[in-house]
N, C-alpha and C. Protein backbone atom coordinates (compact mmCIF):
# COMPACT_ATOMS: atom_id res chain seq x y z
N MET A 1 0.81 -1.23 0.21
CA MET A 1 0.09 -0.06 0.00
C MET A 1 0.94 1.51 -0.03
N THR A 2 0.51 2.27 -0.60
CA THR A 2 1.09 3.66 -1.03
C THR A 2 1.25 4.18 0.56
N ALA A 3 2.51 4.81 0.68
CA ALA A 3 2.64 6.03 1.64
C ALA A 3 3.04 6.91 1.48
N ILE A 4 3.10 8.23 2.22
CA ILE A 4 3.50 9.46 2.12
C ILE A 4 4.32 9.43 2.86
N PHE A 5 5.54 10.13 2.51
CA PHE A 5 6.59 10.44 3.35
C PHE A 5 6.76 12.10 3.19
N VAL A 6 7.19 12.86 4.26
CA VAL A 6 7.32 14.17 3.93
C VAL A 6 8.62 14.57 4.66
N ASP A 7 9.83 15.20 3.64
CA ASP A 7 10.90 15.84 4.01
C ASP A 7 10.45 17.19 4.71
N ALA A 8 10.42 17.03 6.38
CA ALA A 8 9.53 18.05 6.83
C ALA A 8 10.29 19.29 7.41
N ASP A 9 11.68 19.08 7.01
CA ASP A 9 12.66 20.30 7.21
C ASP A 9 12.11 21.59 6.64
N ALA A 10 11.43 22.42 7.03
CA ALA A 10 10.88 23.62 6.38
C ALA A 10 9.82 23.60 5.46
N CYS A 11 9.02 22.44 5.44
CA CYS A 11 8.06 22.08 4.42
C CYS A 11 6.83 22.96 4.86
N PRO A 12 6.35 23.63 3.90
CA PRO A 12 5.19 24.43 4.10
C PRO A 12 3.83 23.97 4.03
N VAL A 13 4.01 22.56 3.29
CA VAL A 13 2.43 21.85 3.14
C VAL A 13 2.12 20.68 4.08
N VAL A 14 2.70 20.69 4.99
CA VAL A 14 2.79 19.43 6.35
C VAL A 14 1.26 19.33 6.28
N SER A 15 0.35 20.43 6.96
CA SER A 15 -1.05 20.11 7.08
C SER A 15 -1.86 19.47 5.80
N GLU A 16 -1.43 20.26 4.71
CA GLU A 16 -2.25 19.69 3.49
C GLU A 16 -2.05 18.20 3.15
N THR A 17 -0.52 18.15 3.41
CA THR A 17 -0.01 16.43 3.17
C THR A 17 -1.21 15.62 4.03
N ILE A 18 -0.92 15.96 5.23
CA ILE A 18 -1.85 15.14 6.49
C ILE A 18 -3.29 15.06 5.71
N GLN A 19 -3.93 15.96 5.75
CA GLN A 19 -5.26 16.12 5.19
C GLN A 19 -5.57 15.14 3.98
N VAL A 20 -4.80 15.65 3.00
CA VAL A 20 -4.88 14.40 1.82
C VAL A 20 -4.76 12.80 2.17
N ALA A 21 -3.81 12.72 2.93
CA ALA A 21 -3.58 11.16 3.38
C ALA A 21 -4.49 10.64 4.29
N ARG A 22 -5.41 11.58 5.00
CA ARG A 22 -6.70 11.17 5.92
C ARG A 22 -7.61 10.75 4.79
N GLU A 23 -8.01 11.66 3.59
CA GLU A 23 -8.89 11.36 2.75
C GLU A 23 -8.45 10.05 1.84
N TYR A 24 -7.37 9.56 1.57
CA TYR A 24 -7.22 8.47 0.89
C TYR A 24 -6.70 7.23 2.00
N ASN A 25 -6.74 7.51 3.07
CA ASN A 25 -6.44 6.37 4.16
C ASN A 25 -5.16 5.93 3.99
N LEU A 26 -4.15 6.90 4.06
CA LEU A 26 -2.65 6.46 3.66
C LEU A 26 -1.94 6.76 4.81
N LYS A 27 -0.93 5.95 5.09
CA LYS A 27 -0.27 6.52 6.23
C LYS A 27 0.75 7.75 5.72
N CYS A 28 1.03 8.41 6.95
CA CYS A 28 1.84 9.55 6.32
C CYS A 28 2.86 9.73 7.68
N THR A 29 4.03 9.93 6.99
CA THR A 29 5.22 9.99 7.84
C THR A 29 6.07 11.31 8.26
N LEU A 30 6.44 12.00 8.99
CA LEU A 30 7.14 13.31 8.91
C LEU A 30 8.53 12.86 9.20
N ILE A 31 9.48 13.47 8.30
CA ILE A 31 11.02 12.94 8.58
C ILE A 31 11.49 14.43 8.94
N CYS A 32 12.32 14.50 10.01
CA CYS A 32 12.92 15.88 10.21
C CYS A 32 13.98 15.61 11.06
N ASP A 33 14.74 16.69 11.22
CA ASP A 33 15.90 16.76 12.10
C ASP A 33 15.81 17.23 13.47
N THR A 34 16.60 17.44 14.51
CA THR A 34 16.26 17.88 15.80
C THR A 34 16.03 19.37 15.59
N ALA A 35 16.37 19.88 14.66
CA ALA A 35 16.42 21.42 14.60
C ALA A 35 15.03 21.75 14.22
N HIS A 36 14.38 21.12 13.46
CA HIS A 36 12.98 21.20 12.78
C HIS A 36 11.69 20.47 13.21
N GLU A 37 12.09 20.04 14.61
CA GLU A 37 11.26 18.68 15.01
C GLU A 37 9.41 19.21 14.98
N ILE A 38 8.83 18.60 14.19
CA ILE A 38 7.26 18.58 14.06
C ILE A 38 6.38 17.49 14.37
N HIS A 39 5.59 17.74 15.45
CA HIS A 39 4.38 16.69 15.80
C HIS A 39 3.40 17.10 15.20
N ARG A 40 2.56 16.34 14.61
CA ARG A 40 1.22 16.80 13.88
C ARG A 40 0.35 15.49 14.16
N GLU A 41 -0.97 15.65 14.55
CA GLU A 41 -2.02 14.86 14.83
C GLU A 41 -2.35 13.93 13.13
N GLY A 42 -2.05 12.61 13.20
CA GLY A 42 -2.63 12.33 11.89
C GLY A 42 -1.23 11.81 11.15
N ALA A 43 -0.17 11.90 11.76
CA ALA A 43 1.19 11.68 11.14
C ALA A 43 2.04 11.08 11.93
N GLU A 44 2.86 10.06 11.85
CA GLU A 44 3.98 9.45 12.55
C GLU A 44 5.38 10.44 12.20
N THR A 45 6.03 10.87 13.04
CA THR A 45 7.23 11.91 13.01
C THR A 45 8.38 10.76 13.39
N ILE A 46 9.59 11.11 12.64
CA ILE A 46 10.69 10.25 12.68
C ILE A 46 11.72 11.46 12.90
N ILE A 47 12.25 11.54 14.04
CA ILE A 47 13.24 12.62 14.29
C ILE A 47 14.76 12.21 14.15
N VAL A 48 15.53 12.85 13.20
CA VAL A 48 16.81 12.15 12.76
C VAL A 48 17.95 13.18 13.65
N SER A 49 19.09 12.87 14.00
CA SER A 49 20.07 13.92 13.99
C SER A 49 20.47 14.88 12.99
N LYS A 50 20.93 16.05 13.73
CA LYS A 50 21.09 17.34 12.81
C LYS A 50 22.33 16.81 11.96
N GLY A 51 22.19 17.17 10.82
CA GLY A 51 23.49 16.57 9.76
C GLY A 51 23.17 16.92 8.37
N ALA A 52 24.10 17.00 7.57
CA ALA A 52 23.79 17.49 6.12
C ALA A 52 23.24 15.84 5.44
N ASP A 53 22.17 16.15 4.69
CA ASP A 53 21.47 15.16 4.18
C ASP A 53 20.69 13.90 5.15
N ALA A 54 20.77 14.16 6.51
CA ALA A 54 20.50 13.06 7.16
C ALA A 54 18.97 12.57 7.26
N VAL A 55 18.21 13.67 7.02
CA VAL A 55 16.47 13.48 6.75
C VAL A 55 16.79 12.64 5.53
N ASP A 56 17.36 12.90 4.50
CA ASP A 56 17.19 12.43 3.02
C ASP A 56 17.59 10.91 2.98
N PHE A 57 18.58 10.65 3.84
CA PHE A 57 18.98 9.32 3.99
C PHE A 57 18.14 8.37 4.67
N VAL A 58 17.40 8.54 5.57
CA VAL A 58 16.67 8.22 6.44
C VAL A 58 15.35 7.79 5.39
N LEU A 59 15.18 9.01 4.88
CA LEU A 59 13.58 8.93 4.12
C LEU A 59 14.10 7.94 2.84
N VAL A 60 14.98 8.24 1.99
CA VAL A 60 15.05 7.20 0.85
C VAL A 60 15.45 5.55 1.22
N ASN A 61 15.77 5.34 2.45
CA ASN A 61 16.00 4.26 3.12
C ASN A 61 14.50 3.49 3.34
N ARG A 62 13.46 4.16 3.67
CA ARG A 62 12.19 3.76 3.91
C ARG A 62 11.02 3.57 2.92
N VAL A 63 11.39 4.57 1.67
CA VAL A 63 10.73 4.55 0.58
C VAL A 63 10.77 3.15 -0.23
N GLN A 64 9.02 2.89 -0.86
CA GLN A 64 9.21 1.62 -1.55
C GLN A 64 8.50 2.08 -2.66
N LYS A 65 8.63 1.18 -3.58
CA LYS A 65 7.89 1.39 -5.18
C LYS A 65 6.26 1.94 -4.62
N ASN A 66 6.04 3.11 -5.36
CA ASN A 66 4.59 3.93 -5.33
C ASN A 66 4.40 4.84 -4.48
N ASP A 67 5.48 4.99 -3.27
CA ASP A 67 5.48 5.87 -2.30
C ASP A 67 5.39 7.32 -2.57
N ILE A 68 4.69 7.93 -2.14
CA ILE A 68 4.77 9.59 -2.39
C ILE A 68 5.81 10.19 -1.57
N VAL A 69 6.56 11.04 -2.00
CA VAL A 69 7.36 11.93 -1.40
C VAL A 69 7.39 13.35 -1.73
N VAL A 70 7.16 14.16 -0.34
CA VAL A 70 6.89 15.48 -0.66
C VAL A 70 8.24 16.40 -0.27
N THR A 71 8.87 16.95 -1.04
CA THR A 71 10.28 17.33 -0.76
C THR A 71 10.38 18.52 -1.91
N GLN A 72 11.39 19.60 -1.57
CA GLN A 72 11.74 20.49 -2.41
C GLN A 72 13.33 20.35 -3.07
N ASP A 73 13.64 19.21 -2.59
CA ASP A 73 15.09 18.73 -2.86
C ASP A 73 15.24 17.78 -4.12
N TYR A 74 15.93 18.58 -5.02
CA TYR A 74 15.99 17.56 -6.43
C TYR A 74 16.79 16.42 -6.31
N GLY A 75 17.92 16.27 -5.15
CA GLY A 75 18.79 15.40 -5.06
C GLY A 75 17.89 14.41 -4.34
N LEU A 76 17.31 14.25 -3.29
CA LEU A 76 16.17 13.13 -3.01
C LEU A 76 15.20 13.06 -3.91
N ALA A 77 14.55 14.01 -4.58
CA ALA A 77 13.44 13.84 -5.37
C ALA A 77 14.42 12.57 -6.44
N ALA A 78 15.57 12.80 -7.05
CA ALA A 78 16.20 11.74 -8.12
C ALA A 78 16.09 10.42 -7.48
N MET A 79 16.68 10.42 -6.06
CA MET A 79 16.64 9.13 -5.35
C MET A 79 15.54 8.42 -5.09
N VAL A 80 14.46 9.13 -4.96
CA VAL A 80 13.24 8.44 -4.95
C VAL A 80 12.85 7.94 -6.22
N LEU A 81 13.10 9.06 -7.24
CA LEU A 81 12.76 8.32 -8.63
C LEU A 81 13.35 6.96 -9.04
N ALA A 82 14.61 6.88 -8.47
CA ALA A 82 15.15 5.63 -8.72
C ALA A 82 14.59 4.20 -8.12
N LYS A 83 14.28 4.68 -7.02
CA LYS A 83 13.21 3.78 -6.27
C LYS A 83 11.92 3.23 -6.49
N GLN A 84 11.54 4.02 -7.66
CA GLN A 84 10.15 4.11 -8.40
C GLN A 84 9.14 4.62 -7.35
N GLY A 85 9.44 5.77 -6.71
CA GLY A 85 8.53 6.36 -5.81
C GLY A 85 8.10 7.82 -6.33
N HIS A 86 7.30 8.25 -6.18
CA HIS A 86 6.79 9.59 -6.95
C HIS A 86 6.99 10.74 -6.08
N PRO A 87 8.16 11.42 -6.13
CA PRO A 87 8.38 12.84 -5.47
C PRO A 87 7.78 13.99 -6.04
N ILE A 88 7.03 15.07 -5.20
CA ILE A 88 6.10 15.90 -5.37
C ILE A 88 6.94 17.27 -4.58
N ASP A 89 6.68 18.45 -5.81
CA ASP A 89 7.21 19.35 -4.49
C ASP A 89 6.36 20.10 -3.90
N GLN A 90 6.58 21.44 -3.11
CA GLN A 90 5.54 22.20 -2.39
C GLN A 90 4.60 22.68 -2.93
N ASN A 91 4.62 22.65 -4.31
CA ASN A 91 3.71 23.79 -5.11
C ASN A 91 3.00 22.57 -6.14
N GLY A 92 3.43 21.35 -5.76
CA GLY A 92 2.55 20.70 -6.46
C GLY A 92 2.91 20.25 -8.09
N ARG A 93 4.34 20.44 -8.37
CA ARG A 93 5.23 20.03 -9.44
C ARG A 93 5.67 18.23 -9.07
N LEU A 94 5.36 17.52 -9.80
CA LEU A 94 5.64 16.30 -9.92
C LEU A 94 7.31 16.20 -10.55
N TYR A 95 8.24 15.60 -9.58
CA TYR A 95 9.33 15.37 -10.52
C TYR A 95 9.25 13.86 -11.04
N THR A 96 9.87 14.07 -12.38
CA THR A 96 9.67 12.99 -13.19
C THR A 96 11.14 12.34 -13.93
N GLU A 97 11.25 11.17 -14.63
CA GLU A 97 12.39 11.18 -15.25
C GLU A 97 12.44 11.88 -16.22
N GLU A 98 11.65 12.73 -17.04
CA GLU A 98 11.72 13.78 -17.82
C GLU A 98 12.13 15.04 -17.50
N ASN A 99 11.78 15.42 -16.27
CA ASN A 99 12.42 16.39 -15.82
C ASN A 99 13.47 17.00 -14.53
N ILE A 100 13.85 15.65 -14.00
CA ILE A 100 14.93 15.77 -12.96
C ILE A 100 16.09 15.92 -13.49
N ASP A 101 16.59 15.68 -14.68
CA ASP A 101 18.09 16.16 -15.15
C ASP A 101 18.39 17.38 -15.16
N GLN A 102 17.01 18.07 -15.92
CA GLN A 102 17.16 19.42 -15.91
C GLN A 102 17.02 20.45 -14.80
N LEU A 103 16.95 19.83 -13.71
CA LEU A 103 16.66 20.29 -12.47
C LEU A 103 17.81 20.28 -11.88
N LEU A 104 18.40 19.18 -11.66
CA LEU A 104 19.65 18.76 -11.07
C LEU A 104 20.42 19.66 -11.63
N TYR A 105 20.48 19.90 -13.15
CA TYR A 105 21.64 20.79 -13.79
C TYR A 105 21.90 22.12 -13.52
N ALA A 106 20.42 22.75 -13.33
CA ALA A 106 20.07 24.09 -12.95
C ALA A 106 20.58 24.27 -11.53
N ARG A 107 20.34 23.29 -10.59
CA ARG A 107 20.94 23.36 -9.34
C ARG A 107 22.58 23.64 -9.21
N HIS A 108 22.75 22.39 -10.12
CA HIS A 108 24.68 22.55 -10.24
C HIS A 108 25.42 24.08 -10.73
N LYS A 109 24.48 24.46 -11.35
CA LYS A 109 24.87 25.90 -12.54
C LYS A 109 25.06 26.80 -11.30
N ALA A 110 23.91 26.84 -10.46
CA ALA A 110 23.57 28.02 -9.50
C ALA A 110 24.61 28.00 -8.45
N GLN A 111 24.88 26.51 -8.17
CA GLN A 111 26.03 26.36 -6.95
C GLN A 111 27.41 26.77 -7.34
N LYS A 112 27.63 26.57 -8.98
CA LYS A 112 29.00 27.02 -9.40
C LYS A 112 28.96 28.50 -9.49
N ILE A 113 27.72 29.07 -9.27
CA ILE A 113 28.02 30.80 -9.56
C ILE A 113 28.14 31.29 -8.44
N ARG A 114 27.56 30.60 -7.33
CA ARG A 114 27.83 31.09 -5.70
C ARG A 114 29.07 30.57 -5.48
N MET A 115 29.50 29.98 -5.71
CA MET A 115 31.05 29.17 -4.97
C MET A 115 32.31 30.24 -5.99
N SER A 116 31.91 30.66 -7.06
CA SER A 116 32.82 31.47 -7.49
C SER A 116 32.59 32.97 -6.98
N GLY A 117 31.57 33.37 -5.98
CA GLY A 117 31.42 34.52 -5.53
C GLY A 117 30.33 35.54 -6.08
N GLY A 118 29.64 34.74 -7.01
CA GLY A 118 28.44 35.33 -7.67
C GLY A 118 27.30 35.13 -6.87
N ARG A 119 26.18 36.03 -7.19
CA ARG A 119 24.81 36.13 -6.39
C ARG A 119 23.95 35.97 -7.35
N LEU A 120 22.90 35.01 -6.57
CA LEU A 120 21.63 34.95 -7.49
C LEU A 120 20.52 35.51 -6.40
N ARG A 121 19.47 35.48 -7.55
CA ARG A 121 18.18 36.19 -6.74
C ARG A 121 17.60 35.11 -5.82
N GLY A 122 17.37 35.27 -4.33
CA GLY A 122 16.34 34.51 -3.79
C GLY A 122 14.95 34.07 -4.54
N PRO A 123 14.36 33.18 -4.13
CA PRO A 123 13.07 32.77 -4.29
C PRO A 123 11.97 34.04 -3.90
N LYS A 124 10.67 34.11 -4.49
CA LYS A 124 9.76 35.21 -4.38
C LYS A 124 9.09 34.60 -3.32
N LYS A 125 8.21 35.31 -2.63
CA LYS A 125 7.57 34.91 -1.61
C LYS A 125 6.40 33.90 -1.91
N ARG A 126 6.15 32.96 -1.64
CA ARG A 126 5.48 31.86 -1.82
C ARG A 126 4.24 32.16 -1.54
N PRO A 127 3.07 32.34 -2.71
CA PRO A 127 1.72 32.84 -2.45
C PRO A 127 0.83 31.47 -1.87
N LYS A 128 -0.04 31.85 -1.23
CA LYS A 128 -0.99 30.86 -0.65
C LYS A 128 -1.81 29.77 -1.92
N GLU A 129 -1.85 30.50 -2.82
CA GLU A 129 -2.46 29.83 -3.87
C GLU A 129 -1.75 28.37 -4.35
N ASN A 130 -0.27 28.31 -3.96
CA ASN A 130 0.41 27.40 -4.21
C ASN A 130 0.02 26.07 -3.27
N ASN A 131 -0.60 26.47 -2.06
CA ASN A 131 -1.08 25.44 -1.39
C ASN A 131 -2.08 24.77 -1.95
N ILE A 132 -2.90 25.35 -2.54
CA ILE A 132 -4.23 24.70 -3.03
C ILE A 132 -3.72 23.93 -4.48
N ARG A 133 -2.83 24.49 -5.22
CA ARG A 133 -2.08 23.77 -6.33
C ARG A 133 -1.37 22.55 -6.06
N PHE A 134 -0.91 22.66 -4.78
CA PHE A 134 -0.11 21.44 -4.51
C PHE A 134 -1.24 20.06 -3.94
N SER A 135 -2.20 20.45 -3.22
CA SER A 135 -3.11 19.69 -2.49
C SER A 135 -4.04 19.31 -3.83
N LYS A 136 -4.55 19.71 -4.79
CA LYS A 136 -4.75 19.18 -6.17
C LYS A 136 -4.00 18.31 -6.86
N SER A 137 -2.66 18.91 -6.84
CA SER A 137 -1.70 17.73 -7.59
C SER A 137 -1.51 16.51 -6.68
N LEU A 138 -1.30 16.69 -5.38
CA LEU A 138 -1.30 15.60 -4.71
C LEU A 138 -2.32 14.62 -4.78
N ARG A 139 -3.75 15.09 -4.57
CA ARG A 139 -5.09 14.38 -4.75
C ARG A 139 -4.93 13.45 -6.28
N GLN A 140 -4.39 14.25 -7.34
CA GLN A 140 -4.54 13.82 -8.39
C GLN A 140 -3.52 12.64 -8.46
N LEU A 141 -2.49 12.57 -7.83
CA LEU A 141 -1.17 11.43 -7.76
C LEU A 141 -1.95 10.29 -7.00
N CYS A 142 -2.61 10.71 -5.73
CA CYS A 142 -3.21 9.63 -5.05
C CYS A 142 -3.98 8.64 -5.63
N GLU A 143 -5.09 9.34 -6.53
CA GLU A 143 -6.11 8.93 -7.40
C GLU A 143 -5.68 8.07 -8.48
N ARG A 144 -4.43 8.48 -8.99
CA ARG A 144 -3.89 7.69 -10.25
C ARG A 144 -2.96 6.51 -9.50
N LEU A 145 -2.61 6.42 -8.19
CA LEU A 145 -1.98 5.21 -7.69
C LEU A 145 -2.81 4.47 -7.05
N SER A 146 -4.07 4.96 -6.49
CA SER A 146 -5.17 4.03 -6.07
C SER A 146 -5.58 3.09 -7.32
N ALA A 147 -5.77 4.01 -8.28
CA ALA A 147 -6.31 2.82 -9.81
C ALA A 147 -5.25 1.66 -10.08
N ILE A 148 -4.01 2.01 -9.67
CA ILE A 148 -2.98 1.02 -10.08
C ILE A 148 -3.10 -0.19 -9.09
N GLU A 149 -3.34 0.51 -7.82
CA GLU A 149 -3.28 -0.93 -6.78
C GLU A 149 -4.60 -1.37 -6.99
N GLU A 150 -5.35 -1.09 -7.60
CA GLU A 150 -6.83 -1.78 -7.57
C GLU A 150 -6.75 -2.91 -8.37
């Protein structure tokens, strides 16, 4: 049975994810580090030691085929895709085999610019409409996966 995992460190759609998980009777697990402890009714919380990518490694080790992972981390999304999971970002964009390479390349280019002393614009303020778009996209993904499981 499909489960939903949330890379919960600084995730703006934890409540929306739990709500959708309830609607589809899916287990929801929040994974965060000690600096971002989150406990919410309707979800299991796993707390890991603070450290670079600590949450990512715990999460990817738990993901199974057709599980859903909410994350804004392209590297984690790539690992989830390799395990035949379904990563989705906080704005409702699905990471796919078709778009992940381009996203990883853009991240790599941005890192090179920053490392050479360059500056990039930060993200714009996240509008509330993105929560609605996320919930709609997550529901569509749950529908699609529940049809596969039947």
